Protein backbone atom coordinates (compact mmCIF):
# COMPACT_ATOMS: atom_id res chain seq x y z
CA UNK A 1 -0.43 0.19 -0.04
CA UNK A 2 1.28 3.20 -1.35
CA UNK A 3 2.15 6.08 1.40
CA UNK A 4 -0.52 8.66 -0.65
CA UNK A 5 -3.04 5.68 -0.05
CA UNK A 6 -2.44 5.52 3.92
CA UNK A 7 -2.11 9.61 3.85
CA UNK A 8 -5.35 10.44 2.09
CA UNK A 9 -7.27 7.95 4.46
CA UNK A 10 -5.56 8.91 7.26
CA UNK A 11 -6.76 12.75 6.47
CA UNK A 12 -10.48 11.14 5.56
CA UNK A 13 -10.72 9.80 9.21
CA UNK A 14 -9.68 12.86 10.64
CA UNK A 15 -12.12 14.95 8.43
CA UNK A 16 -15.05 13.30 9.31
CA UNK A 17 -14.26 12.84 12.67
CA UNK A 18 -13.96 16.18 13.34
CA UNK A 19 -17.30 17.34 13.91
CA UNK A 20 -17.47 14.29 16.51
CA UNK A 21 -15.00 16.43 18.58
CA UNK A 22 -16.37 19.71 18.13
CA UNK A 23 -17.90 20.25 21.61
CA UNK A 24 -17.54 18.11 24.79
CA UNK A 25 -21.89 16.72 25.14
CA UNK A 26 -21.33 13.57 27.62
CA UNK A 27 -18.79 12.11 30.52
CA UNK A 28 -17.91 9.58 27.94
CA UNK A 29 -16.33 12.15 25.03
CA UNK A 30 -12.42 13.54 25.04
CA UNK A 31 -12.43 16.75 27.30
CA UNK A 32 -10.25 18.11 24.41
CA UNK A 33 -11.26 18.66 20.53
CA UNK A 34 -9.60 21.14 18.75
CA UNK A 35 -10.31 22.33 15.55
CA UNK A 36 -10.20 26.52 15.28
CA UNK A 37 -8.04 28.24 17.31
CA UNK A 38 -10.89 29.98 18.76
CA UNK A 39 -12.85 26.83 20.07
CA UNK A 40 -9.91 25.41 20.84
CA UNK A 41 -8.52 28.38 23.16
CA UNK A 42 -12.08 28.14 25.15
CA UNK A 43 -11.83 24.40 25.93
CA UNK A 44 -8.49 25.26 27.17
CA UNK A 45 -9.05 27.79 29.65
CA UNK A 46 -12.09 25.25 30.27
CA UNK A 47 -10.07 22.32 31.02
CA UNK A 48 -6.98 24.46 32.67
CA UNK A 49 -10.16 25.60 35.53
CA UNK A 50 -10.77 22.20 35.64
CA UNK A 51 -7.45 20.94 36.95
CA UNK A 52 -7.09 23.34 39.77
CA UNK A 53 -8.51 22.32 43.26
CA UNK A 54 -11.86 21.61 43.24
CA UNK A 55 -12.90 20.75 40.05
CA UNK A 56 -13.39 17.98 37.27
CA UNK A 57 -9.55 17.45 37.14
CA UNK A 58 -8.60 18.98 40.66
CA UNK A 59 -6.99 15.12 41.97
CA UNK A 60 -4.47 15.56 39.05
CA UNK A 61 -0.57 15.65 39.52
CA UNK A 62 2.04 18.65 38.99
CA UNK A 63 3.60 16.06 37.05
CA UNK A 64 0.78 15.49 34.87
CA UNK A 65 -1.00 19.18 35.05
CA UNK A 66 2.66 19.89 33.41
CA UNK A 67 2.29 17.27 30.51
CA UNK A 68 -1.60 18.21 30.06
CA UNK A 69 -0.41 22.22 30.03
CA UNK A 70 2.35 21.80 27.09
CA UNK A 71 0.13 19.80 24.82
CA UNK A 72 -2.49 22.39 25.37
CA UNK A 73 0.48 24.84 24.35
CA UNK A 74 1.66 22.96 21.28
CA UNK A 75 -1.96 22.64 19.82
CA UNK A 76 -2.58 26.23 20.82
CA UNK A 77 0.69 27.12 18.96
CA UNK A 78 -0.10 24.60 16.07
CA UNK A 79 -3.86 25.71 15.37
CA UNK A 80 -2.67 29.71 15.60
CA UNK A 81 -0.14 29.23 13.01
CA UNK A 82 -2.58 27.57 10.61
CA UNK A 83 -5.41 28.73 11.45
CA UNK A 84 -7.88 25.57 11.20
CA UNK A 85 -7.94 21.92 10.98
CA UNK A 86 -8.65 22.14 7.59
CA UNK A 87 -5.39 23.83 6.44
CA UNK A 88 -2.96 21.21 7.87
CA UNK A 89 -0.98 18.91 5.73
CA UNK A 90 -1.02 15.25 6.97
CA UNK A 91 2.07 15.22 9.10
CA UNK A 92 0.93 18.75 11.24
CA UNK A 93 -2.80 17.11 11.50
CA UNK A 94 -1.16 13.72 12.90
CA UNK A 95 0.89 15.74 15.58
CA UNK A 96 -2.61 17.35 16.21
CA UNK A 97 -4.15 14.36 17.27
CA UNK A 98 -1.78 12.80 19.31
CA UNK A 99 -1.38 15.70 21.16
CA UNK A 100 -5.02 15.98 21.94
CA UNK A 101 -4.95 11.98 22.95
CA UNK A 102 -1.71 12.07 25.15
CA UNK A 103 -3.72 14.95 26.90
CA UNK A 104 -6.75 13.41 26.78
CA UNK A 105 -5.58 9.75 28.44
CA UNK A 106 -4.14 11.48 31.30
CA UNK A 107 -7.43 13.66 32.04
CA UNK A 108 -10.24 10.67 31.36
CA UNK A 109 -8.22 9.18 34.77
CA UNK A 110 -8.60 11.99 36.67
CA UNK A 111 -11.86 12.60 35.51
CA UNK A 112 -14.07 12.90 38.42
CA UNK A 113 -17.39 12.79 36.72
CA UNK A 114 -16.87 9.74 34.21
CA UNK A 115 -19.25 7.30 34.22
CA UNK A 116 -18.35 3.55 35.27
CA UNK A 117 -21.21 1.21 35.60
CA UNK A 118 -21.01 -2.39 36.70
CA UNK A 119 -23.17 -5.45 37.06
CA UNK A 120 -23.86 -6.07 40.80
CA UNK A 121 -26.19 -9.15 41.83
CA UNK A 122 -29.00 -9.07 43.65
CA UNK A 123 -29.32 -9.89 47.60
CA UNK A 124 -31.06 -13.48 47.56
CA UNK A 125 -31.12 -13.61 43.41
CA UNK A 126 -29.22 -14.97 40.99
CA UNK A 127 -30.42 -11.91 38.68
CA UNK A 128 -27.71 -9.10 38.44
CA UNK A 129 -28.51 -5.32 37.98
CA UNK A 130 -26.65 -2.74 35.93
CA UNK A 131 -25.27 0.06 38.74
CA UNK A 132 -23.79 3.04 37.41
CA UNK A 133 -21.88 5.70 39.35
CA UNK A 134 -19.25 8.90 39.39
CA UNK A 135 -15.80 8.50 40.22
CA UNK A 136 -16.05 11.12 43.00
CA UNK A 137 -19.56 9.62 43.94
CA UNK A 138 -17.36 5.82 44.24
CA UNK A 139 -14.83 8.22 45.70
CA UNK A 140 -17.33 9.28 48.49
CA UNK A 141 -19.27 6.19 48.97
CA UNK A 142 -15.14 4.26 49.83
CA UNK A 143 -14.17 7.39 52.10
CA UNK A 144 -17.42 7.31 53.83
CA UNK A 145 -17.07 3.68 54.41
CA UNK A 146 -13.58 3.97 55.92
CA UNK A 147 -14.75 6.85 58.33
CA UNK A 148 -17.81 4.35 59.35
CA UNK A 149 -15.43 1.54 60.17
CA UNK A 150 -12.87 3.92 62.16
CA UNK A 151 -15.76 5.43 63.98
CA UNK A 152 -17.10 2.05 64.40
CA UNK A 153 -13.68 0.55 65.86
CA UNK A 154 -12.66 3.19 67.65
CA UNK A 155 -16.19 3.69 69.48
CA UNK A 156 -15.68 -0.21 70.41
CA UNK A 157 -12.18 -0.22 72.00
CA UNK A 158 -13.37 3.28 73.76
CA UNK A 159 -16.59 0.74 74.97
CA UNK A 160 -14.13 -1.72 76.36
CA UNK A 161 -12.32 0.53 78.22
CA UNK A 162 -9.38 1.22 76.10
CA UNK A 163 -7.88 4.66 75.14
CA UNK A 164 -7.68 6.17 71.68
CA UNK A 165 -4.01 5.98 72.34
CA UNK A 166 -4.48 1.97 71.96
CA UNK A 167 -3.26 1.50 75.75
CA UNK A 168 -5.19 0.41 79.05
């Protein structure tokens, strides 16, 4: 297969998928999807805001925040130089998509609004039900459970005459 056929196929794939990247509409779509400098600037500002404490990606590590910022800067400069996705050559489109994918793959791991579904067995039955929760809800339930266990064990020790420090 020739390079020209591969590059035409890649260009067609990017052209077809570009409208799907225009805006984030659900928890399963990418946070970053650049097509024009103006649209990307708004997305980048929102992602940077969401990486701050309390934001959607607020738990992101400093090292990963730097990686995402570097990719955002690269994408922004590429779009500013070219003006739009349509004005880029095949190599630039590949670079753009790779930068978007790298940033998105990092952000997905920290997305506390990402929906996670699993099938759980119903008590007293062989049937299973589908239960979906966000990562934030799962983390809160885990922390609440740990806190309840801690309170229960600490309270139990205190009832037996033990001091909270572990001595008698």
